PDB file of N, CA and C in Angstrom:
ATOM      1  N   MET A   1     -36.060  13.251   7.681  1.00  0.00           N
ATOM      2  CA  MET A   1     -36.559  14.600   7.707  1.00  0.00           C
ATOM      3  C   MET A   1     -38.072  14.542   7.554  1.00  0.00           C
ATOM      4  N   VAL A   2     -38.751  15.331   8.321  1.00  0.00           N
ATOM      5  CA  VAL A   2     -40.198  15.444   8.244  1.00  0.00           C
ATOM      6  C   VAL A   2     -40.531  16.871   7.856  1.00  0.00           C
ATOM      7  N   ILE A   3     -41.400  17.028   6.875  1.00  0.00           N
ATOM      8  CA  ILE A   3     -41.827  18.363   6.452  1.00  0.00           C
ATOM      9  C   ILE A   3     -43.309  18.494   6.758  1.00  0.00           C
ATOM     10  N   LEU A   4     -43.647  19.453   7.580  1.00  0.00           N
ATOM     11  CA  LEU A   4     -45.046  19.727   7.910  1.00  0.00           C
ATOM     12  C   LEU A   4     -45.472  21.018   7.232  1.00  0.00           C
ATOM     13  N   THR A   5     -46.576  20.953   6.503  1.00  0.00           N
ATOM     14  CA  THR A   5     -47.149  22.164   5.921  1.00  0.00           C
ATOM     15  C   THR A   5     -48.553  22.307   6.490  1.00  0.00           C
ATOM     16  N   PHE A   6     -48.880  23.498   6.882  1.00  0.00           N
ATOM     17  CA  PHE A   6     -50.181  23.762   7.481  1.00  0.00           C
ATOM     18  C   PHE A   6     -51.048  24.494   6.464  1.00  0.00           C
ATOM     19  N   ARG A   7     -52.100  23.823   6.023  1.00  0.00           N
ATOM     20  CA  ARG A   7     -53.024  24.426   5.066  1.00  0.00           C
ATOM     21  C   ARG A   7     -54.240  24.921   5.836  1.00  0.00           C
ATOM     22  N   ALA A   8     -54.205  26.174   6.133  1.00  0.00           N
ATOM     23  CA  ALA A   8     -55.271  26.810   6.901  1.00  0.00           C
ATOM     24  C   ALA A   8     -55.199  28.311   6.628  1.00  0.00           C
ATOM     25  N   PRO A   9     -56.226  29.050   7.045  1.00  0.00           N
ATOM     26  CA  PRO A   9     -56.109  30.511   6.932  1.00  0.00           C
ATOM     27  C   PRO A   9     -54.845  30.987   7.664  1.00  0.00           C
ATOM     28  N   ARG A  10     -54.290  32.078   7.194  1.00  0.00           N
ATOM     29  CA  ARG A  10     -52.999  32.570   7.688  1.00  0.00           C
ATOM     30  C   ARG A  10     -52.896  32.659   9.219  1.00  0.00           C
ATOM     31  N   PRO A  11     -53.861  33.219   9.934  1.00  0.00           N
ATOM     32  CA  PRO A  11     -53.702  33.301  11.404  1.00  0.00           C
ATOM     33  C   PRO A  11     -53.659  31.922  12.074  1.00  0.00           C
ATOM     34  N   LYS A  12     -54.475  30.989  11.580  1.00  0.00           N
ATOM     35  CA  LYS A  12     -54.500  29.661  12.180  1.00  0.00           C
ATOM     36  C   LYS A  12     -53.210  28.900  11.867  1.00  0.00           C
ATOM     37  N   ALA A  13     -52.705  29.011  10.620  1.00  0.00           N
ATOM     38  CA  ALA A  13     -51.451  28.362  10.252  1.00  0.00           C
ATOM     39  C   ALA A  13     -50.289  28.948  11.050  1.00  0.00           C
ATOM     40  N   LYS A  14     -50.326  30.242  11.273  1.00  0.00           N
ATOM     41  CA  LYS A  14     -49.268  30.891  12.055  1.00  0.00           C
ATOM     42  C   LYS A  14     -49.275  30.379  13.489  1.00  0.00           C
ATOM     43  N   ALA A  15     -50.465  30.184  14.047  1.00  0.00           N
ATOM     44  CA  ALA A  15     -50.575  29.659  15.410  1.00  0.00           C
ATOM     45  C   ALA A  15     -50.018  28.233  15.479  1.00  0.00           C
ATOM     46  N   LYS A  16     -50.309  27.410  14.454  1.00  0.00           N
ATOM     47  CA  LYS A  16     -49.803  26.037  14.442  1.00  0.00           C
ATOM     48  C   LYS A  16     -48.283  26.019  14.315  1.00  0.00           C
ATOM     49  N   ARG A  17     -47.733  26.911  13.499  1.00  0.00           N
ATOM     50  CA  ARG A  17     -46.272  26.983  13.375  1.00  0.00           C
ATOM     51  C   ARG A  17     -45.617  27.383  14.691  1.00  0.00           C
ATOM     52  N   SER A  18     -46.256  28.278  15.426  1.00  0.00           N
ATOM     53  CA  SER A  18     -45.678  28.689  16.705  1.00  0.00           C
ATOM     54  C   SER A  18     -45.741  27.535  17.714  1.00  0.00           C
ATOM     55  N   VAL A  19     -46.815  26.738  17.666  1.00  0.00           N
ATOM     56  CA  VAL A  19     -46.897  25.554  18.541  1.00  0.00           C
ATOM     57  C   VAL A  19     -45.798  24.567  18.165  1.00  0.00           C
ATOM     58  N   LEU A  20     -45.590  24.353  16.862  1.00  0.00           N
ATOM     59  CA  LEU A  20     -44.528  23.454  16.391  1.00  0.00           C
ATOM     60  C   LEU A  20     -43.165  23.940  16.876  1.00  0.00           C
ATOM     61  N   ARG A  21     -42.892  25.226  16.732  1.00  0.00           N
ATOM     62  CA  ARG A  21     -41.612  25.770  17.205  1.00  0.00           C
ATOM     63  C   ARG A  21     -41.432  25.559  18.703  1.00  0.00           C
ATOM     64  N   GLN A  22     -42.499  25.736  19.463  1.00  0.00           N
ATOM     65  CA  GLN A  22     -42.420  25.563  20.908  1.00  0.00           C
ATOM     66  C   GLN A  22     -42.149  24.109  21.280  1.00  0.00           C
ATOM     67  N   VAL A  23     -42.836  23.172  20.604  1.00  0.00           N
ATOM     68  CA  VAL A  23     -42.624  21.742  20.870  1.00  0.00           C
ATOM     69  C   VAL A  23     -41.183  21.361  20.557  1.00  0.00           C
ATOM     70  N   LEU A  24     -40.677  21.801  19.413  1.00  0.00           N
ATOM     71  CA  LEU A  24     -39.296  21.485  19.031  1.00  0.00           C
ATOM     72  C   LEU A  24     -38.291  22.129  19.980  1.00  0.00           C
ATOM     73  N   SER A  25     -38.558  23.346  20.379  1.00  0.00           N
ATOM     74  CA  SER A  25     -37.668  24.048  21.306  1.00  0.00           C
ATOM     75  C   SER A  25     -37.643  23.346  22.666  1.00  0.00           C
ATOM     76  N   ASP A  26     -38.805  22.927  23.153  1.00  0.00           N
ATOM     77  CA  ASP A  26     -38.864  22.230  24.447  1.00  0.00           C
ATOM     78  C   ASP A  26     -38.083  20.921  24.417  1.00  0.00           C
ATOM     79  N   ALA A  27     -38.056  20.256  23.266  1.00  0.00           N
ATOM     80  CA  ALA A  27     -37.340  18.985  23.132  1.00  0.00           C
ATOM     81  C   ALA A  27     -35.893  19.187  22.702  1.00  0.00           C
ATOM     82  N   ASN A  28     -35.453  20.427  22.605  1.00  0.00           N
ATOM     83  CA  ASN A  28     -34.099  20.748  22.150  1.00  0.00           C
ATOM     84  C   ASN A  28     -33.839  20.148  20.767  1.00  0.00           C
ATOM     85  N   TYR A  29     -34.877  20.147  19.942  1.00  0.00           N
ATOM     86  CA  TYR A  29     -34.839  19.663  18.556  1.00  0.00           C
ATOM     87  C   TYR A  29     -34.426  18.198  18.442  1.00  0.00           C
ATOM     88  N   GLU A  30     -34.727  17.384  19.454  1.00  0.00           N
ATOM     89  CA  GLU A  30     -34.467  15.946  19.421  1.00  0.00           C
ATOM     90  C   GLU A  30     -35.804  15.225  19.361  1.00  0.00           C
ATOM     91  N   THR A  31     -36.014  14.428  18.316  1.00  0.00           N
ATOM     92  CA  THR A  31     -37.315  13.773  18.144  1.00  0.00           C
ATOM     93  C   THR A  31     -37.605  12.751  19.233  1.00  0.00           C
ATOM     94  N   GLU A  32     -36.577  12.206  19.862  1.00  0.00           N
ATOM     95  CA  GLU A  32     -36.793  11.237  20.933  1.00  0.00           C
ATOM     96  C   GLU A  32     -37.393  11.894  22.177  1.00  0.00           C
ATOM     97  N   LYS A  33     -37.203  13.200  22.330  1.00  0.00           N
ATOM     98  CA  LYS A  33     -37.652  13.901  23.533  1.00  0.00           C
ATOM     99  C   LYS A  33     -38.943  14.688  23.325  1.00  0.00           C
ATOM    100  N   LEU A  34     -39.620  14.508  22.200  1.00  0.00           N
ATOM    101  CA  LEU A  34     -40.831  15.280  21.920  1.00  0.00           C
ATOM    102  C   LEU A  34     -41.958  14.880  22.863  1.00  0.00           C
ATOM    103  N   ILE A  35     -42.561  15.870  23.476  1.00  0.00           N
ATOM    104  CA  ILE A  35     -43.757  15.655  24.291  1.00  0.00           C
ATOM    105  C   ILE A  35     -44.731  16.779  23.975  1.00  0.00           C
ATOM    106  N   GLY A  36     -45.994  16.501  24.146  1.00  0.00           N
ATOM    107  CA  GLY A  36     -46.997  17.496  23.811  1.00  0.00           C
ATOM    108  C   GLY A  36     -47.552  18.250  25.000  1.00  0.00           C
ATOM    109  N   GLY A  37     -47.310  17.774  26.187  1.00  0.00           N
ATOM    110  CA  GLY A  37     -47.859  18.437  27.361  1.00  0.00           C
ATOM    111  C   GLY A  37     -49.213  17.854  27.748  1.00  0.00           C
ATOM    112  N   ASN A  38     -49.694  18.229  28.914  1.00  0.00           N
ATOM    113  CA  ASN A  38     -50.974  17.739  29.422  1.00  0.00           C
ATOM    114  C   ASN A  38     -52.027  18.824  29.342  1.00  0.00           C
ATOM    115  N   GLY A  39     -53.259  18.412  29.379  1.00  0.00           N
ATOM    116  CA  GLY A  39     -54.356  19.362  29.408  1.00  0.00           C
ATOM    117  C   GLY A  39     -54.930  19.650  28.033  1.00  0.00           C
ATOM    118  N   PRO A  40     -56.152  20.167  28.028  1.00  0.00           N
ATOM    119  CA  PRO A  40     -56.825  20.437  26.755  1.00  0.00           C
ATOM    120  C   PRO A  40     -56.162  21.553  25.947  1.00  0.00           C
ATOM    121  N   GLU A  41     -55.437  22.447  26.596  1.00  0.00           N
ATOM    122  CA  GLU A  41     -54.784  23.547  25.882  1.00  0.00           C
ATOM    123  C   GLU A  41     -53.604  23.065  25.046  1.00  0.00           C
ATOM    124  N   ASN A  42     -53.123  21.852  25.299  1.00  0.00           N
ATOM    125  CA  ASN A  42     -51.979  21.304  24.570  1.00  0.00           C
ATOM    126  C   ASN A  42     -52.378  20.240  23.549  1.00  0.00           C
ATOM    127  N   GLU A  43     -53.649  20.174  23.198  1.00  0.00           N
ATOM    128  CA  GLU A  43     -54.122  19.179  22.240  1.00  0.00           C
ATOM    129  C   GLU A  43     -53.419  19.338  20.888  1.00  0.00           C
ATOM    130  N   GLU A  44     -53.246  20.567  20.419  1.00  0.00           N
ATOM    131  CA  GLU A  44     -52.579  20.816  19.141  1.00  0.00           C
ATOM    132  C   GLU A  44     -51.125  20.359  19.194  1.00  0.00           C
ATOM    133  N   ALA A  45     -50.462  20.580  20.310  1.00  0.00           N
ATOM    134  CA  ALA A  45     -49.072  20.154  20.465  1.00  0.00           C
ATOM    135  C   ALA A  45     -48.973  18.634  20.426  1.00  0.00           C
ATOM    136  N   ARG A  46     -49.879  17.930  21.105  1.00  0.00           N
ATOM    137  CA  ARG A  46     -49.869  16.466  21.089  1.00  0.00           C
ATOM    138  C   ARG A  46     -50.134  15.935  19.681  1.00  0.00           C
ATOM    139  N   LYS A  47     -51.013  16.612  18.940  1.00  0.00           N
ATOM    140  CA  LYS A  47     -51.315  16.207  17.574  1.00  0.00           C
ATOM    141  C   LYS A  47     -50.069  16.345  16.687  1.00  0.00           C
ATOM    142  N   ILE A  48     -49.340  17.430  16.837  1.00  0.00           N
ATOM    143  CA  ILE A  48     -48.109  17.647  16.068  1.00  0.00           C
ATOM    144  C   ILE A  48     -47.059  16.605  16.429  1.00  0.00           C
ATOM    145  N   VAL A  49     -46.929  16.278  17.699  1.00  0.00           N
ATOM    146  CA  VAL A  49     -45.962  15.267  18.134  1.00  0.00           C
ATOM    147  C   VAL A  49     -46.324  13.910  17.526  1.00  0.00           C
ATOM    148  N   ARG A  50     -47.616  13.556  17.514  1.00  0.00           N
ATOM    149  CA  ARG A  50     -48.041  12.288  16.898  1.00  0.00           C
ATOM    150  C   ARG A  50     -47.710  12.263  15.410  1.00  0.00           C
ATOM    151  N   LEU A  51     -47.911  13.379  14.720  1.00  0.00           N
ATOM    152  CA  LEU A  51     -47.591  13.449  13.294  1.00  0.00           C
ATOM    153  C   LEU A  51     -46.090  13.237  13.052  1.00  0.00           C
ATOM    154  N   ILE A  52     -45.279  13.906  13.843  1.00  0.00           N
ATOM    155  CA  ILE A  52     -43.824  13.799  13.673  1.00  0.00           C
ATOM    156  C   ILE A  52     -43.347  12.386  13.979  1.00  0.00           C
ATOM    157  N   LYS A  53     -43.786  11.817  15.104  1.00  0.00           N
ATOM    158  CA  LYS A  53     -43.343  10.477  15.483  1.00  0.00           C
ATOM    159  C   LYS A  53     -43.856   9.425  14.509  1.00  0.00           C
ATOM    160  N   GLY A  54     -45.037   9.641  13.933  1.00  0.00           N
ATOM    161  CA  GLY A  54     -45.559   8.696  12.957  1.00  0.00           C
ATOM    162  C   GLY A  54     -44.784   8.706  11.654  1.00  0.00           C
ATOM    163  N   ALA A  55     -44.154   9.811  11.323  1.00  0.00           N
ATOM    164  CA  ALA A  55     -43.415   9.937  10.068  1.00  0.00           C
ATOM    165  C   ALA A  55     -41.920   9.753  10.234  1.00  0.00           C
ATOM    166  N   THR A  56     -41.440   9.546  11.458  1.00  0.00           N
ATOM    167  CA  THR A  56     -40.013   9.442  11.718  1.00  0.00           C
ATOM    168  C   THR A  56     -39.590   7.977  11.798  1.00  0.00           C
ATOM    169  N   ILE A  57     -38.462   7.661  11.198  1.00  0.00           N
ATOM    170  CA  ILE A  57     -37.891   6.316  11.279  1.00  0.00           C
ATOM    171  C   ILE A  57     -36.857   6.332  12.394  1.00  0.00           C
ATOM    172  N   GLY A  58     -36.933   5.365  13.287  1.00  0.00           N
ATOM    173  CA  GLY A  58     -35.964   5.270  14.370  1.00  0.00           C
ATOM    174  C   GLY A  58     -34.583   4.898  13.844  1.00  0.00           C
ATOM    175  N   ALA A  59     -33.554   5.237  14.575  1.00  0.00           N
ATOM    176  CA  ALA A  59     -32.180   4.974  14.144  1.00  0.00           C
ATOM    177  C   ALA A  59     -31.926   3.483  13.966  1.00  0.00           C
ATOM    178  N   GLU A  60     -32.556   2.643  14.794  1.00  0.00           N
ATOM    179  CA  GLU A  60     -32.328   1.206  14.686  1.00  0.00           C
ATOM    180  C   GLU A  60     -32.971   0.614  13.428  1.00  0.00           C
ATOM    181  N   LYS A  61     -33.951   1.298  12.844  1.00  0.00           N
ATOM    182  CA  LYS A  61     -34.621   0.804  11.636  1.00  0.00           C
ATOM    183  C   LYS A  61     -34.120   1.486  10.364  1.00  0.00           C
ATOM    184  N   TYR A  62     -33.279   2.487  10.509  1.00  0.00           N
ATOM    185  CA  TYR A  62     -32.823   3.257   9.359  1.00  0.00           C
ATOM    186  C   TYR A  62     -31.816   2.444   8.557  1.00  0.00           C
ATOM    187  N   PRO A  63     -31.989   2.343   7.252  1.00  0.00           N
ATOM    188  CA  PRO A  63     -31.059   1.526   6.464  1.00  0.00           C
ATOM    189  C   PRO A  63     -29.658   2.137   6.424  1.00  0.00           C
ATOM    190  N   LEU A  64     -28.653   1.276   6.468  1.00  0.00           N
ATOM    191  CA  LEU A  64     -27.266   1.743   6.425  1.00  0.00           C
ATOM    192  C   LEU A  64     -26.893   2.177   5.016  1.00  0.00           C
ATOM    193  N   SER A  65     -25.997   3.135   4.934  1.00  0.00           N
ATOM    194  CA  SER A  65     -25.488   3.571   3.639  1.00  0.00           C
ATOM    195  C   SER A  65     -24.543   2.504   3.086  1.00  0.00           C
ATOM    196  N   LYS A  66     -24.215   2.602   1.807  1.00  0.00           N
ATOM    197  CA  LYS A  66     -23.287   1.641   1.195  1.00  0.00           C
ATOM    198  C   LYS A  66     -21.921   1.702   1.853  1.00  0.00           C
ATOM    199  N   THR A  67     -21.501   2.900   2.226  1.00  0.00           N
ATOM    200  CA  THR A  67     -20.200   3.056   2.894  1.00  0.00           C
ATOM    201  C   THR A  67     -20.208   2.348   4.243  1.00  0.00           C
ATOM    202  N   SER A  68     -21.283   2.513   5.008  1.00  0.00           N
ATOM    203  CA  SER A  68     -21.369   1.869   6.320  1.00  0.00           C
ATOM    204  C   SER A  68     -21.413   0.350   6.189  1.00  0.00           C
ATOM    205  N   LEU A  69     -22.146  -0.150   5.204  1.00  0.00           N
ATOM    206  CA  LEU A  69     -22.195  -1.591   4.991  1.00  0.00           C
ATOM    207  C   LEU A  69     -20.806  -2.137   4.649  1.00  0.00           C
ATOM    208  N   HIS A  70     -20.075  -1.435   3.797  1.00  0.00           N
ATOM    209  CA  HIS A  70     -18.732  -1.860   3.416  1.00  0.00           C
ATOM    210  C   HIS A  70     -17.802  -1.820   4.624  1.00  0.00           C
ATOM    211  N   ARG A  71     -17.896  -0.766   5.424  1.00  0.00           N
ATOM    212  CA  ARG A  71     -17.057  -0.624   6.613  1.00  0.00           C
ATOM    213  C   ARG A  71     -17.357  -1.751   7.600  1.00  0.00           C
ATOM    214  N   ASP A  72     -18.641  -2.091   7.787  1.00  0.00           N
ATOM    215  CA  ASP A  72     -19.007  -3.173   8.701  1.00  0.00           C
ATOM    216  C   ASP A  72     -18.477  -4.513   8.200  1.00  0.00           C
ATOM    217  N   ARG A  73     -18.536  -4.735   6.891  1.00  0.00           N
ATOM    218  CA  ARG A  73     -18.033  -5.985   6.327  1.00  0.00           C
ATOM    219  C   ARG A  73     -16.530  -6.088   6.551  1.00  0.00           C
ATOM    220  N   ASP A  74     -15.809  -5.000   6.309  1.00  0.00           N
ATOM    221  CA  ASP A  74     -14.361  -5.006   6.509  1.00  0.00           C
ATOM    222  C   ASP A  74     -14.005  -5.184   7.983  1.00  0.00           C
ATOM    223  N   ALA A  75     -14.793  -4.619   8.874  1.00  0.00           N
ATOM    224  CA  ALA A  75     -14.520  -4.760  10.304  1.00  0.00           C
ATOM    225  C   ALA A  75     -14.628  -6.219  10.717  1.00  0.00           C
ATOM    226  N   GLY A  76     -15.597  -6.945  10.163  1.00  0.00           N
ATOM    227  CA  GLY A  76     -15.737  -8.364  10.468  1.00  0.00           C
ATOM    228  C   GLY A  76     -14.534  -9.156   9.994  1.00  0.00           C
ATOM    229  N   ILE A  77     -14.006  -8.813   8.821  1.00  0.00           N
ATOM    230  CA  ILE A  77     -12.828  -9.508   8.292  1.00  0.00           C
ATOM    231  C   ILE A  77     -11.621  -9.201   9.171  1.00  0.00           C
ATOM    232  N   ASP A  78     -11.461  -7.943   9.588  1.00  0.00           N
ATOM    233  CA  ASP A  78     -10.335  -7.572  10.445  1.00  0.00           C
ATOM    234  C   ASP A  78     -10.371  -8.338  11.763  1.00  0.00           C
ATOM    235  N   ARG A  79     -11.547  -8.483  12.344  1.00  0.00           N
ATOM    236  CA  ARG A  79     -11.659  -9.220  13.601  1.00  0.00           C
ATOM    237  C   ARG A  79     -11.257 -10.680  13.390  1.00  0.00           C
ATOM    238  N   TRP A  80     -11.674 -11.268  12.277  1.00  0.00           N
ATOM    239  CA  TRP A  80     -11.344 -12.663  12.007  1.00  0.00           C
ATOM    240  C   TRP A  80      -9.833 -12.828  11.856  1.00  0.00           C
ATOM    241  N   ASP A  81      -9.195 -11.890  11.152  1.00  0.00           N
ATOM    242  CA  ASP A  81      -7.744 -11.963  10.981  1.00  0.00           C
ATOM    243  C   ASP A  81      -7.020 -11.860  12.315  1.00  0.00           C
ATOM    244  N   ASP A  82      -7.520 -11.033  13.212  1.00  0.00           N
ATOM    245  CA  ASP A  82      -6.875 -10.860  14.511  1.00  0.00           C
ATOM    246  C   ASP A  82      -7.051 -12.068  15.412  1.00  0.00           C
ATOM    247  N   GLU A  83      -7.951 -12.951  15.080  1.00  0.00           N
ATOM    248  CA  GLU A  83      -8.184 -14.126  15.919  1.00  0.00           C
ATOM    249  C   GLU A  83      -7.378 -15.329  15.447  1.00  0.00           C
ATOM    250  N   GLY A  84      -6.367 -15.082  14.639  1.00  0.00           N
ATOM    251  CA  GLY A  84      -5.508 -16.182  14.203  1.00  0.00           C
ATOM    252  C   GLY A  84      -6.126 -16.964  13.069  1.00  0.00           C
ATOM    253  N   GLY A  85      -6.648 -16.270  12.069  1.00  0.00           N
ATOM    254  CA  GLY A  85      -7.276 -16.910  10.923  1.00  0.00           C
ATOM    255  C   GLY A  85      -6.293 -17.774  10.153  1.00  0.00           C
ATOM    256  N   ALA A  86      -6.425 -17.864   8.872  1.00  0.00           N
ATOM    257  CA  ALA A  86      -5.590 -18.718   8.034  1.00  0.00           C
ATOM    258  C   ALA A  86      -4.143 -18.235   8.057  1.00  0.00           C
ATOM    259  N   PRO A  87      -3.199 -19.156   7.970  1.00  0.00           N
ATOM    260  CA  PRO A  87      -1.794 -18.752   7.911  1.00  0.00           C
ATOM    261  C   PRO A  87      -1.494 -18.079   6.572  1.00  0.00           C
ATOM    262  N   LYS A  88      -0.402 -17.325   6.524  1.00  0.00           N
ATOM    263  CA  LYS A  88      -0.061 -16.573   5.314  1.00  0.00           C
ATOM    264  C   LYS A  88       0.390 -17.479   4.177  1.00  0.00           C
ATOM    265  N   GLY A  89       0.975 -18.542   4.472  1.00  0.00           N
ATOM    266  CA  GLY A  89       1.450 -19.447   3.433  1.00  0.00           C
ATOM    267  C   GLY A  89       1.402 -20.877   3.945  1.00  0.00           C
ATOM    268  N   PRO A  90       1.729 -21.821   3.071  1.00  0.00           N
ATOM    269  CA  PRO A  90       1.702 -23.214   3.530  1.00  0.00           C
ATOM    270  C   PRO A  90       2.781 -23.472   4.576  1.00  0.00           C
ATOM    271  N   ILE A  91       2.453 -24.264   5.533  1.00  0.00           N
ATOM    272  CA  ILE A  91       3.417 -24.618   6.588  1.00  0.00           C
ATOM    273  C   ILE A  91       3.995 -25.992   6.223  1.00  0.00           C
ATOM    274  N   ARG A  92       5.320 -26.001   5.999  1.00  0.00           N
ATOM    275  CA  ARG A  92       5.976 -27.258   5.627  1.00  0.00           C
ATOM    276  C   ARG A  92       6.980 -27.633   6.703  1.00  0.00           C
ATOM    277  N   PRO A  93       6.947 -28.863   7.080  1.00  0.00           N
ATOM    278  CA  PRO A  93       7.938 -29.280   8.098  1.00  0.00           C
ATOM    279  C   PRO A  93       9.345 -29.279   7.499  1.00  0.00           C
ATOM    280  N   ASP A  94      10.330 -28.991   8.319  1.00  0.00           N
ATOM    281  CA  ASP A  94      11.720 -29.007   7.878  1.00  0.00           C
ATOM    282  C   ASP A  94      12.165 -30.450   7.656  1.00  0.00           C
ATOM    283  N   ARG A  95      12.878 -30.706   6.604  1.00  0.00           N
ATOM    284  CA  ARG A  95      13.344 -32.060   6.317  1.00  0.00           C
ATOM    285  C   ARG A  95      14.802 -32.172   6.531  1.00  0.00           C
TER     286      ARG A  95
END
């Protein structure tokens, strides 16, 4: 989660919030799709996109929860068992 606060006089902060809403709306609220647009009129939008992307952790770098780590560990054990792991008991030849 990224929290942006705009410390400026009320009209200027309101304008920045509206630019932020427009950028998020254009990207359908997906951080991977954020773009700021071209041209000098979109400089504020590009600045907001840089701030958001600089503060966002990508999914591949995000640490797993304890539950996910446990589930992944168990999945590895299940795969090993399905590949013909250790027998259930000692195998003794018939005499």
